[in-house]
Amino acid sequence: MVIPAMDFKDYYKILGVEPTADDKAIKAAYRKLARKYHPDVSKEKDAEAKFKDASEAYEALKSADKRAEYDDLRRYGQHGQPFQGPPGWQSRGGFGGGQDTGDFSDFFSSIFGNRGPGFGGGQSRRSTGRRGQDVEMELGVFLEETLSTESKKVTFQVPQYNAAGQHVSNTSKSLNVKIPAGVSDGERIRLKGQGAPGVGGGANGDLYLTIRFAPHPKFDVEGENLIITLPLAPWELALGTEVAVPTLTGKINLKVPAGSQNGQRMRAKGHGLMNKAGERGFLFVQLKVVMPKKSDDDIKALWRELAKKAAFDPREHF
């Protein structure tokens, strides 16, 4: 069987990181691109394609084993150029020997996917009634969607095999999926029978969705709790104030007591994420003092007067 050449993908270049980048830098680069190109919110040209490329690159580089396999091949390819790889690599059916990931490119699948028999030069046979291949994909979910009761449309690629078990094509499939209440980042959801069709009358494979929370511009996630940073002027911390604070479902009025400290956390019950029991966690509001960017002579004089009257030494026990 002759396998046609395909264009090489430099996953480091796609993420905009160096090949020496550590796991933290790779994850940060992916989060930045995911926020920029997520097709549900991005108005960038070719956002969906760029989002898929970033997801594919992150999938290849986040695992130490996959990254090592990819680095081994990377020496033989240039980004966007036809790629054949070192002699004999295709006969191994992909370095990883794992399952084909339907939402990723043929290049990715050729390295990490189980491409079926026939690549080693021998004749392979499959018995009738063989179960279809499972399909794995990551599903980006906005935090707001974890509270919604509406279904989310999911489109993915399903591999198609001939009677000999050889991969012949991919077909696009769409489903309306309801995000389970209390779902967590990294959770794996099984949709029975939604994978590749069976061979010879065998049962369909399953679709496995790995939930990935899309980075949010305002909130960080800690389990079922959310964290938001609230900027405040120095006098608001000193004198106290009331501020409208964003939540996932609107705004709440938060009273900041006089004498509050920079970095202090306040919490609002029932404004976090949903847990498995159907209850919502806390929203933690972290106070952050922000100094005025401009200061004229009159303002500086007031600061000096305050410093003199307060007679306060913040480093008394330093």
C-alpha atoms as a PDB file:
ATOM      1  CA  MET A   1       0.000   0.000   0.000  1.00  0.00           C
ATOM      2  CA  VAL A   2       1.422   3.410  -0.958  1.00  0.00           C
ATOM      3  CA  ILE A   3       0.790   6.271   1.429  1.00  0.00           C
ATOM      4  CA  PRO A   4       0.811   9.715  -0.210  1.00  0.00           C
ATOM      5  CA  ALA A   5       2.998  12.458   1.188  1.00  0.00           C
ATOM      6  CA  MET A   6       1.379  15.029   3.433  1.00  0.00           C
ATOM      7  CA  ASP A   7       2.517  18.434   4.591  1.00  0.00           C
ATOM      8  CA  PHE A   8       4.601  18.503   7.754  1.00  0.00           C
ATOM      9  CA  LYS A   9       3.216  20.474  10.701  1.00  0.00           C
ATOM     10  CA  ASP A  10       5.663  22.203  13.020  1.00  0.00           C
ATOM     11  CA  TYR A  11       3.623  22.240  16.221  1.00  0.00           C
ATOM     12  CA  TYR A  12       6.136  24.471  17.988  1.00  0.00           C
ATOM     13  CA  LYS A  13       5.763  27.086  15.249  1.00  0.00           C
ATOM     14  CA  ILE A  14       1.960  26.799  15.394  1.00  0.00           C
ATOM     15  CA  LEU A  15       1.984  27.532  19.142  1.00  0.00           C
ATOM     16  CA  GLY A  16       4.683  30.185  18.774  1.00  0.00           C
ATOM     17  CA  VAL A  17       7.118  28.562  21.231  1.00  0.00           C
ATOM     18  CA  GLU A  18      10.670  27.290  21.024  1.00  0.00           C
ATOM     19  CA  PRO A  19      11.369  23.523  20.908  1.00  0.00           C
ATOM     20  CA  THR A  20      13.015  23.944  24.327  1.00  0.00           C
ATOM     21  CA  ALA A  21       9.818  25.362  25.885  1.00  0.00           C
ATOM     22  CA  ASP A  22       8.664  23.670  29.074  1.00  0.00           C
ATOM     23  CA  ASP A  23       5.159  22.295  29.713  1.00  0.00           C
ATOM     24  CA  LYS A  24       4.033  25.513  31.406  1.00  0.00           C
ATOM     25  CA  ALA A  25       5.037  27.662  28.423  1.00  0.00           C
ATOM     26  CA  ILE A  26       3.335  25.283  25.986  1.00  0.00           C
ATOM     27  CA  LYS A  27       0.110  25.314  27.991  1.00  0.00           C
ATOM     28  CA  ALA A  28       0.184  29.120  28.284  1.00  0.00           C
ATOM     29  CA  ALA A  29       0.705  29.493  24.521  1.00  0.00           C
ATOM     30  CA  TYR A  30      -2.210  27.163  23.809  1.00  0.00           C
ATOM     31  CA  ARG A  31      -4.525  28.992  26.227  1.00  0.00           C
ATOM     32  CA  LYS A  32      -3.668  32.300  24.553  1.00  0.00           C
ATOM     33  CA  LEU A  33      -4.425  30.971  21.069  1.00  0.00           C
ATOM     34  CA  ALA A  34      -7.569  29.162  22.240  1.00  0.00           C
ATOM     35  CA  ARG A  35      -8.909  32.405  23.680  1.00  0.00           C
ATOM     36  CA  LYS A  36      -8.073  34.292  20.485  1.00  0.00           C
ATOM     37  CA  TYR A  37      -9.386  31.825  17.897  1.00  0.00           C
ATOM     38  CA  HIS A  38     -12.233  29.932  19.555  1.00  0.00           C
ATOM     39  CA  PRO A  39     -14.812  29.869  16.723  1.00  0.00           C
ATOM     40  CA  ASP A  40     -17.716  30.683  19.039  1.00  0.00           C
ATOM     41  CA  VAL A  41     -16.307  34.114  19.838  1.00  0.00           C
ATOM     42  CA  SER A  42     -13.477  34.952  17.417  1.00  0.00           C
ATOM     43  CA  LYS A  43     -14.010  37.171  14.409  1.00  0.00           C
ATOM     44  CA  GLU A  44     -10.518  36.451  13.099  1.00  0.00           C
ATOM     45  CA  LYS A  45     -10.160  35.089   9.580  1.00  0.00           C
ATOM     46  CA  ASP A  46      -9.874  31.272   9.527  1.00  0.00           C
ATOM     47  CA  ALA A  47     -10.436  31.216  13.296  1.00  0.00           C
ATOM     48  CA  GLU A  48     -11.819  27.669  13.316  1.00  0.00           C
ATOM     49  CA  ALA A  49      -8.862  26.263  11.364  1.00  0.00           C
ATOM     50  CA  LYS A  50      -6.366  28.077  13.590  1.00  0.00           C
ATOM     51  CA  PHE A  51      -8.181  26.893  16.717  1.00  0.00           C
ATOM     52  CA  LYS A  52      -8.006  23.286  15.472  1.00  0.00           C
ATOM     53  CA  ASP A  53      -4.300  23.660  14.615  1.00  0.00           C
ATOM     54  CA  ALA A  54      -3.581  24.998  18.101  1.00  0.00           C
ATOM     55  CA  SER A  55      -5.559  22.177  19.731  1.00  0.00           C
ATOM     56  CA  GLU A  56      -3.758  19.599  17.624  1.00  0.00           C
ATOM     57  CA  ALA A  57      -0.364  21.094  18.458  1.00  0.00           C
ATOM     58  CA  TYR A  58      -1.145  21.111  22.172  1.00  0.00           C
ATOM     59  CA  GLU A  59      -2.367  17.507  22.026  1.00  0.00           C
ATOM     60  CA  ALA A  60       0.939  16.470  20.425  1.00  0.00           C
ATOM     61  CA  LEU A  61       3.188  18.376  22.838  1.00  0.00           C
ATOM     62  CA  LYS A  62       1.419  18.173  26.224  1.00  0.00           C
ATOM     63  CA  SER A  63       2.315  14.495  26.687  1.00  0.00           C
ATOM     64  CA  ALA A  64       5.972  13.674  27.289  1.00  0.00           C
ATOM     65  CA  ASP A  65       5.695  10.441  25.294  1.00  0.00           C
ATOM     66  CA  LYS A  66       3.958  12.028  22.315  1.00  0.00           C
ATOM     67  CA  ARG A  67       6.317  14.975  22.369  1.00  0.00           C
ATOM     68  CA  ALA A  68       9.347  12.678  22.278  1.00  0.00           C
ATOM     69  CA  GLU A  69       7.883  10.782  19.320  1.00  0.00           C
ATOM     70  CA  TYR A  70       7.110  14.020  17.501  1.00  0.00           C
ATOM     71  CA  ASP A  71      10.587  15.459  18.195  1.00  0.00           C
ATOM     72  CA  ASP A  72      12.075  12.290  16.701  1.00  0.00           C
ATOM     73  CA  LEU A  73      10.216  12.946  13.430  1.00  0.00           C
ATOM     74  CA  ARG A  74      10.596  16.723  13.447  1.00  0.00           C
ATOM     75  CA  ARG A  75      14.214  16.404  12.347  1.00  0.00           C
ATOM     76  CA  TYR A  76      12.980  15.159   8.970  1.00  0.00           C
ATOM     77  CA  GLY A  77      10.384  17.821   8.159  1.00  0.00           C
ATOM     78  CA  GLN A  78       9.844  21.514   7.490  1.00  0.00           C
ATOM     79  CA  HIS A  79       6.580  23.316   8.246  1.00  0.00           C
ATOM     80  CA  GLY A  80       4.200  23.310   5.271  1.00  0.00           C
ATOM     81  CA  GLN A  81       6.470  21.115   3.125  1.00  0.00           C
ATOM     82  CA  PRO A  82       5.656  17.573   1.903  1.00  0.00           C
ATOM     83  CA  PHE A  83       6.710  15.025   4.496  1.00  0.00           C
ATOM     84  CA  GLN A  84       7.714  11.408   4.087  1.00  0.00           C
ATOM     85  CA  GLY A  85       9.681  10.836   7.273  1.00  0.00           C
ATOM     86  CA  PRO A  86      12.570   8.452   7.920  1.00  0.00           C
ATOM     87  CA  PRO A  87      12.610   5.082   6.138  1.00  0.00           C
ATOM     88  CA  GLY A  88      10.140   2.614   7.579  1.00  0.00           C
ATOM     89  CA  TRP A  89       8.299   4.963   9.925  1.00  0.00           C
ATOM     90  CA  GLN A  90       4.952   4.508   8.147  1.00  0.00           C
ATOM     91  CA  SER A  91       5.182   0.743   8.346  1.00  0.00           C
ATOM     92  CA  ARG A  92       4.825   0.984  12.089  1.00  0.00           C
ATOM     93  CA  GLY A  93       1.331   2.390  11.769  1.00  0.00           C
ATOM     94  CA  GLY A  94       2.166   5.530  13.705  1.00  0.00           C
ATOM     95  CA  PHE A  95       4.698   5.880  16.497  1.00  0.00           C
ATOM     96  CA  GLY A  96       2.123   5.978  19.233  1.00  0.00           C
ATOM     97  CA  GLY A  97      -0.009   3.018  18.256  1.00  0.00           C
ATOM     98  CA  GLY A  98      -2.991   4.696  19.902  1.00  0.00           C
ATOM     99  CA  GLN A  99      -6.371   5.537  18.531  1.00  0.00           C
ATOM    100  CA  ASP A 100      -6.965   7.935  15.688  1.00  0.00           C
ATOM    101  CA  THR A 101      -8.186  11.286  16.950  1.00  0.00           C
ATOM    102  CA  GLY A 102     -11.046  12.255  14.685  1.00  0.00           C
ATOM    103  CA  ASP A 103     -10.863  16.030  15.077  1.00  0.00           C
ATOM    104  CA  PHE A 104      -7.183  16.219  14.130  1.00  0.00           C
ATOM    105  CA  SER A 105      -5.374  16.130  10.796  1.00  0.00           C
ATOM    106  CA  ASP A 106      -4.154  13.139   8.844  1.00  0.00           C
ATOM    107  CA  PHE A 107      -0.600  14.199   9.708  1.00  0.00           C
ATOM    108  CA  PHE A 108      -1.350  13.907  13.431  1.00  0.00           C
ATOM    109  CA  SER A 109      -3.119  10.575  12.947  1.00  0.00           C
ATOM    110  CA  SER A 110      -0.241   9.222  10.874  1.00  0.00           C
ATOM    111  CA  ILE A 111       2.119   9.764  13.809  1.00  0.00           C
ATOM    112  CA  PHE A 112      -0.031   8.892  16.787  1.00  0.00           C
ATOM    113  CA  GLY A 113      -2.997   6.998  15.356  1.00  0.00           C
ATOM    114  CA  ASN A 114      -3.661   3.291  14.954  1.00  0.00           C
ATOM    115  CA  ARG A 115      -3.891   3.135  11.164  1.00  0.00           C
ATOM    116  CA  GLY A 116      -4.907  -0.445  10.929  1.00  0.00           C
ATOM    117  CA  PRO A 117      -3.202  -3.431   9.280  1.00  0.00           C
ATOM    118  CA  GLY A 118      -1.429  -3.528   5.977  1.00  0.00           C
ATOM    119  CA  PHE A 119       1.429  -1.117   6.760  1.00  0.00           C
ATOM    120  CA  GLY A 120       3.928  -3.777   7.598  1.00  0.00           C
ATOM    121  CA  GLY A 121       3.865  -5.339   4.156  1.00  0.00           C
ATOM    122  CA  GLY A 122       2.073  -8.522   5.245  1.00  0.00           C
ATOM    123  CA  GLN A 123      -1.521  -9.534   4.678  1.00  0.00           C
ATOM    124  CA  SER A 124      -3.730  -8.843   7.706  1.00  0.00           C
ATOM    125  CA  ARG A 125      -7.201 -10.216   8.158  1.00  0.00           C
ATOM    126  CA  ARG A 126     -10.027  -9.095  10.344  1.00  0.00           C
ATOM    127  CA  SER A 127     -12.788 -11.316  11.454  1.00  0.00           C
ATOM    128  CA  THR A 128     -16.361 -10.313  10.778  1.00  0.00           C
ATOM    129  CA  GLY A 129     -18.298  -8.517  13.428  1.00  0.00           C
ATOM    130  CA  ARG A 130     -15.401  -6.314  14.548  1.00  0.00           C
ATOM    131  CA  ARG A 131     -16.361  -3.401  16.780  1.00  0.00           C
ATOM    132  CA  GLY A 132     -15.885   0.076  15.344  1.00  0.00           C
ATOM    133  CA  GLN A 133     -13.065   2.342  16.481  1.00  0.00           C
ATOM    134  CA  ASP A 134     -13.587   4.739  19.350  1.00  0.00           C
ATOM    135  CA  VAL A 135     -13.120   8.426  18.620  1.00  0.00           C
ATOM    136  CA  GLU A 136     -11.450  10.795  21.061  1.00  0.00           C
ATOM    137  CA  MET A 137     -11.723  14.568  20.933  1.00  0.00           C
ATOM    138  CA  GLU A 138     -11.347  17.559  23.207  1.00  0.00           C
ATOM    139  CA  LEU A 139     -14.397  19.772  23.599  1.00  0.00           C
ATOM    140  CA  GLY A 140     -13.823  23.409  24.468  1.00  0.00           C
ATOM    141  CA  VAL A 141     -16.489  24.653  26.861  1.00  0.00           C
ATOM    142  CA  PHE A 142     -17.062  28.192  28.112  1.00  0.00           C
ATOM    143  CA  LEU A 143     -17.666  28.536  31.838  1.00  0.00           C
ATOM    144  CA  GLU A 144     -21.100  29.990  31.145  1.00  0.00           C
ATOM    145  CA  GLU A 145     -22.018  26.833  29.215  1.00  0.00           C
ATOM    146  CA  THR A 146     -21.504  24.671  32.301  1.00  0.00           C
ATOM    147  CA  LEU A 147     -24.568  26.397  33.823  1.00  0.00           C
ATOM    148  CA  SER A 148     -26.700  26.219  30.691  1.00  0.00           C
ATOM    149  CA  THR A 149     -29.405  23.620  30.059  1.00  0.00           C
ATOM    150  CA  GLU A 150     -29.113  24.071  26.290  1.00  0.00           C
ATOM    151  CA  SER A 151     -27.305  21.544  24.093  1.00  0.00           C
ATOM    152  CA  LYS A 152     -24.002  22.325  22.401  1.00  0.00           C
ATOM    153  CA  LYS A 153     -23.383  21.346  18.790  1.00  0.00           C
ATOM    154  CA  VAL A 154     -20.305  19.178  18.375  1.00  0.00           C
ATOM    155  CA  THR A 155     -18.790  18.395  14.966  1.00  0.00           C
ATOM    156  CA  PHE A 156     -16.063  15.778  14.603  1.00  0.00           C
ATOM    157  CA  GLN A 157     -14.445  13.440  12.095  1.00  0.00           C
ATOM    158  CA  VAL A 158     -15.328   9.744  12.115  1.00  0.00           C
ATOM    159  CA  PRO A 159     -12.875   7.340  10.439  1.00  0.00           C
ATOM    160  CA  GLN A 160     -14.321   4.947   7.854  1.00  0.00           C
ATOM    161  CA  TYR A 161     -12.826   1.510   7.199  1.00  0.00           C
ATOM    162  CA  ASN A 162     -13.295  -1.026   4.415  1.00  0.00           C
ATOM    163  CA  ALA A 163     -14.073  -4.711   4.943  1.00  0.00           C
ATOM    164  CA  ALA A 164     -10.339  -5.434   5.367  1.00  0.00           C
ATOM    165  CA  GLY A 165     -10.112  -2.957   8.222  1.00  0.00           C
ATOM    166  CA  GLN A 166      -8.155  -0.369   6.241  1.00  0.00           C
ATOM    167  CA  HIS A 167      -8.764   3.325   6.843  1.00  0.00           C
ATOM    168  CA  VAL A 168     -10.215   4.740   3.623  1.00  0.00           C
ATOM    169  CA  SER A 169     -11.671   8.130   4.592  1.00  0.00           C
ATOM    170  CA  ASN A 170     -13.127  10.355   7.295  1.00  0.00           C
ATOM    171  CA  THR A 171     -16.691  11.625   7.420  1.00  0.00           C
ATOM    172  CA  SER A 172     -17.962  14.635   9.310  1.00  0.00           C
ATOM    173  CA  LYS A 173     -20.569  14.039  11.992  1.00  0.00           C
ATOM    174  CA  SER A 174     -22.502  16.488  14.171  1.00  0.00           C
ATOM    175  CA  LEU A 175     -24.286  15.909  17.474  1.00  0.00           C
ATOM    176  CA  ASN A 176     -26.173  18.089  19.927  1.00  0.00           C
ATOM    177  CA  VAL A 177     -24.571  17.353  23.288  1.00  0.00           C
ATOM    178  CA  LYS A 178     -25.901  18.475  26.655  1.00  0.00           C
ATOM    179  CA  ILE A 179     -23.067  19.461  28.977  1.00  0.00           C
ATOM    180  CA  PRO A 180     -23.585  17.487  32.221  1.00  0.00           C
ATOM    181  CA  ALA A 181     -24.231  19.517  35.370  1.00  0.00           C
ATOM    182  CA  GLY A 182     -21.126  19.713  37.530  1.00  0.00           C
ATOM    183  CA  VAL A 183     -18.728  18.817  34.722  1.00  0.00           C
ATOM    184  CA  SER A 184     -15.086  19.580  35.508  1.00  0.00           C
ATOM    185  CA  ASP A 185     -12.098  20.543  33.398  1.00  0.00           C
ATOM    186  CA  GLY A 186     -10.411  17.404  32.022  1.00  0.00           C
ATOM    187  CA  GLU A 187     -13.460  15.189  32.645  1.00  0.00           C
ATOM    188  CA  ARG A 188     -13.999  12.468  30.042  1.00  0.00           C
ATOM    189  CA  ILE A 189     -17.545  11.855  28.781  1.00  0.00           C
ATOM    190  CA  ARG A 190     -18.581   8.747  26.858  1.00  0.00           C
ATOM    191  CA  LEU A 191     -21.235   8.862  24.130  1.00  0.00           C
ATOM    192  CA  LYS A 192     -22.006   5.236  23.345  1.00  0.00           C
ATOM    193  CA  GLY A 193     -22.224   4.199  19.703  1.00  0.00           C
ATOM    194  CA  GLN A 194     -21.214   7.582  18.280  1.00  0.00           C
ATOM    195  CA  GLY A 195     -17.760   6.512  17.095  1.00  0.00           C
ATOM    196  CA  ALA A 196     -16.700   4.733  13.918  1.00  0.00           C
ATOM    197  CA  PRO A 197     -19.080   2.156  12.400  1.00  0.00           C
ATOM    198  CA  GLY A 198     -18.300  -1.497  13.016  1.00  0.00           C
ATOM    199  CA  VAL A 199     -16.851  -3.828  10.404  1.00  0.00           C
ATOM    200  CA  GLY A 200     -18.908  -6.769   9.209  1.00  0.00           C
ATOM    201  CA  GLY A 201     -21.933  -5.896  11.284  1.00  0.00           C
ATOM    202  CA  GLY A 202     -19.996  -5.182  14.463  1.00  0.00           C
ATOM    203  CA  ALA A 203     -21.143  -2.579  16.962  1.00  0.00           C
ATOM    204  CA  ASN A 204     -20.228   1.086  16.520  1.00  0.00           C
ATOM    205  CA  GLY A 205     -17.392   2.506  18.534  1.00  0.00           C
ATOM    206  CA  ASP A 206     -17.908   5.196  21.168  1.00  0.00           C
ATOM    207  CA  LEU A 207     -17.179   8.906  21.164  1.00  0.00           C
ATOM    208  CA  TYR A 208     -15.154  10.161  24.120  1.00  0.00           C
ATOM    209  CA  LEU A 209     -15.225  13.889  24.824  1.00  0.00           C
ATOM    210  CA  THR A 210     -12.577  15.357  27.093  1.00  0.00           C
ATOM    211  CA  ILE A 211     -13.907  18.612  28.511  1.00  0.00           C
ATOM    212  CA  ARG A 212     -11.522  21.565  28.391  1.00  0.00           C
ATOM    213  CA  PHE A 213     -12.615  24.838  29.946  1.00  0.00           C
ATOM    214  CA  ALA A 214     -11.862  27.720  27.609  1.00  0.00           C
ATOM    215  CA  PRO A 215      -9.811  30.466  29.292  1.00  0.00           C
ATOM    216  CA  HIS A 216     -12.075  33.198  30.645  1.00  0.00           C
ATOM    217  CA  PRO A 217     -11.111  36.885  30.492  1.00  0.00           C
ATOM    218  CA  LYS A 218     -12.325  37.531  34.064  1.00  0.00           C
ATOM    219  CA  PHE A 219     -12.430  34.298  36.060  1.00  0.00           C
ATOM    220  CA  ASP A 220      -9.923  31.665  37.131  1.00  0.00           C
ATOM    221  CA  VAL A 221     -11.107  28.243  38.254  1.00  0.00           C
ATOM    222  CA  GLU A 222     -10.290  26.408  41.489  1.00  0.00           C
ATOM    223  CA  GLY A 223     -12.378  23.254  41.561  1.00  0.00           C
ATOM    224  CA  GLU A 224     -16.012  24.346  41.851  1.00  0.00           C
ATOM    225  CA  ASN A 225     -14.989  27.861  42.888  1.00  0.00           C
ATOM    226  CA  LEU A 226     -14.236  30.904  40.738  1.00  0.00           C
ATOM    227  CA  ILE A 227     -11.751  33.705  41.402  1.00  0.00           C
ATOM    228  CA  ILE A 228     -11.995  37.251  40.108  1.00  0.00           C
ATOM    229  CA  THR A 229      -9.592  40.130  40.759  1.00  0.00           C
ATOM    230  CA  LEU A 230     -11.299  43.393  41.749  1.00  0.00           C
ATOM    231  CA  PRO A 231      -9.257  46.583  41.125  1.00  0.00           C
ATOM    232  CA  LEU A 232      -9.744  49.277  43.780  1.00  0.00           C
ATOM    233  CA  ALA A 233      -8.311  52.719  44.462  1.00  0.00           C
ATOM    234  CA  PRO A 234      -6.275  53.079  47.679  1.00  0.00           C
ATOM    235  CA  TRP A 235      -8.992  55.244  49.286  1.00  0.00           C
ATOM    236  CA  GLU A 236     -11.653  52.647  48.474  1.00  0.00           C
ATOM    237  CA  LEU A 237      -9.747  50.102  50.540  1.00  0.00           C
ATOM    238  CA  ALA A 238      -9.182  52.652  53.295  1.00  0.00           C
ATOM    239  CA  LEU A 239     -12.713  54.077  53.473  1.00  0.00           C
ATOM    240  CA  GLY A 240     -14.759  51.137  52.228  1.00  0.00           C
ATOM    241  CA  THR A 241     -17.013  51.062  49.173  1.00  0.00           C
ATOM    242  CA  GLU A 242     -19.685  49.097  47.355  1.00  0.00           C
ATOM    243  CA  VAL A 243     -18.857  47.701  43.910  1.00  0.00           C
ATOM    244  CA  ALA A 244     -20.833  45.845  41.225  1.00  0.00           C
ATOM    245  CA  VAL A 245     -18.870  42.623  40.623  1.00  0.00           C
ATOM    246  CA  PRO A 246     -19.401  40.445  37.502  1.00  0.00           C
ATOM    247  CA  THR A 247     -20.519  36.819  37.864  1.00  0.00           C
ATOM    248  CA  LEU A 248     -21.257  34.157  35.256  1.00  0.00           C
ATOM    249  CA  THR A 249     -24.936  35.102  35.300  1.00  0.00           C
ATOM    250  CA  GLY A 250     -24.927  38.865  35.910  1.00  0.00           C
ATOM    251  CA  LYS A 251     -23.594  41.168  38.630  1.00  0.00           C
ATOM    252  CA  ILE A 252     -23.715  41.311  42.426  1.00  0.00           C
ATOM    253  CA  ASN A 253     -23.137  44.270  44.724  1.00  0.00           C
ATOM    254  CA  LEU A 254     -20.165  43.656  47.004  1.00  0.00           C
ATOM    255  CA  LYS A 255     -19.498  45.732  50.105  1.00  0.00           C
ATOM    256  CA  VAL A 256     -15.795  46.238  50.720  1.00  0.00           C
ATOM    257  CA  PRO A 257     -15.262  47.095  54.417  1.00  0.00           C
ATOM    258  CA  ALA A 258     -13.125  50.069  55.417  1.00  0.00           C
ATOM    259  CA  GLY A 259      -9.561  49.088  56.177  1.00  0.00           C
ATOM    260  CA  SER A 260      -9.518  46.122  53.778  1.00  0.00           C
ATOM    261  CA  GLN A 261      -6.095  44.922  52.667  1.00  0.00           C
ATOM    262  CA  ASN A 262      -4.581  44.532  49.221  1.00  0.00           C
ATOM    263  CA  GLY A 263      -4.715  40.852  48.218  1.00  0.00           C
ATOM    264  CA  GLN A 264      -7.519  40.075  50.669  1.00  0.00           C
ATOM    265  CA  ARG A 265     -10.184  37.652  49.463  1.00  0.00           C
ATOM    266  CA  MET A 266     -13.908  38.041  49.968  1.00  0.00           C
ATOM    267  CA  ARG A 267     -16.380  35.355  48.989  1.00  0.00           C
ATOM    268  CA  ALA A 268     -19.870  35.227  47.561  1.00  0.00           C
ATOM    269  CA  LYS A 269     -21.739  31.978  48.144  1.00  0.00           C
ATOM    270  CA  GLY A 270     -23.549  30.332  45.235  1.00  0.00           C
ATOM    271  CA  HIS A 271     -21.809  32.204  42.415  1.00  0.00           C
ATOM    272  CA  GLY A 272     -19.190  29.600  41.471  1.00  0.00           C
ATOM    273  CA  LEU A 273     -19.486  26.567  39.211  1.00  0.00           C
ATOM    274  CA  MET A 274     -22.012  23.785  39.599  1.00  0.00           C
ATOM    275  CA  ASN A 275     -20.911  20.630  41.418  1.00  0.00           C
ATOM    276  CA  LYS A 276     -22.207  17.074  41.043  1.00  0.00           C
ATOM    277  CA  ALA A 277     -24.752  17.666  43.818  1.00  0.00           C
ATOM    278  CA  GLY A 278     -26.332  20.488  41.819  1.00  0.00           C
ATOM    279  CA  GLU A 279     -24.996  23.211  44.115  1.00  0.00           C
ATOM    280  CA  ARG A 280     -22.780  26.104  43.090  1.00  0.00           C
ATOM    281  CA  GLY A 281     -19.469  26.896  44.704  1.00  0.00           C
ATOM    282  CA  PHE A 282     -18.091  30.239  45.865  1.00  0.00           C
ATOM    283  CA  LEU A 283     -16.990  33.268  43.899  1.00  0.00           C
ATOM    284  CA  PHE A 284     -13.813  34.542  45.554  1.00  0.00           C
ATOM    285  CA  VAL A 285     -13.184  38.241  44.981  1.00  0.00           C
ATOM    286  CA  GLN A 286      -9.526  39.155  45.394  1.00  0.00           C
ATOM    287  CA  LEU A 287      -8.938  42.822  46.201  1.00  0.00           C
ATOM    288  CA  LYS A 288      -6.190  44.579  44.283  1.00  0.00           C
ATOM    289  CA  VAL A 289      -5.114  48.150  44.917  1.00  0.00           C
ATOM    290  CA  VAL A 290      -4.451  50.193  41.764  1.00  0.00           C
ATOM    291  CA  MET A 291      -2.515  53.441  42.015  1.00  0.00           C
ATOM    292  CA  PRO A 292      -3.510  56.475  39.915  1.00  0.00           C
ATOM    293  CA  LYS A 293      -1.402  56.739  36.780  1.00  0.00           C
ATOM    294  CA  LYS A 294      -1.162  60.535  36.952  1.00  0.00           C
ATOM    295  CA  SER A 295      -0.214  62.622  39.960  1.00  0.00           C
ATOM    296  CA  ASP A 296       0.274  66.425  39.935  1.00  0.00           C
ATOM    297  CA  ASP A 297       1.869  68.569  42.637  1.00  0.00           C
ATOM    298  CA  ASP A 298      -1.389  69.085  44.545  1.00  0.00           C
ATOM    299  CA  ILE A 299      -2.072  65.328  44.691  1.00  0.00           C
ATOM    300  CA  LYS A 300       1.496  64.630  45.792  1.00  0.00           C
ATOM    301  CA  ALA A 301       1.115  67.212  48.542  1.00  0.00           C
ATOM    302  CA  LEU A 302      -1.989  65.414  49.809  1.00  0.00           C
ATOM    303  CA  TRP A 303      -0.140  62.095  49.819  1.00  0.00           C
ATOM    304  CA  ARG A 304       2.680  63.688  51.828  1.00  0.00           C
ATOM    305  CA  GLU A 305       0.173  65.129  54.284  1.00  0.00           C
ATOM    306  CA  LEU A 306      -1.488  61.723  54.635  1.00  0.00           C
ATOM    307  CA  ALA A 307       1.879  60.052  55.231  1.00  0.00           C
ATOM    308  CA  LYS A 308       2.698  62.591  57.926  1.00  0.00           C
ATOM    309  CA  LYS A 309      -0.642  62.340  59.738  1.00  0.00           C
ATOM    310  CA  ALA A 310      -0.961  58.566  59.510  1.00  0.00           C
ATOM    311  CA  ALA A 311       2.509  57.997  60.983  1.00  0.00           C
ATOM    312  CA  PHE A 312       2.291  54.454  59.680  1.00  0.00           C
ATOM    313  CA  ASP A 313       5.287  52.173  59.101  1.00  0.00           C
ATOM    314  CA  PRO A 314       4.288  49.180  56.930  1.00  0.00           C
ATOM    315  CA  ARG A 315       7.700  47.575  57.546  1.00  0.00           C
ATOM    316  CA  GLU A 316       7.640  47.769  61.321  1.00  0.00           C
ATOM    317  CA  HIS A 317       8.032  44.000  61.633  1.00  0.00           C
ATOM    318  CA  PHE A 318       9.769  43.444  58.323  1.00  0.00           C
END
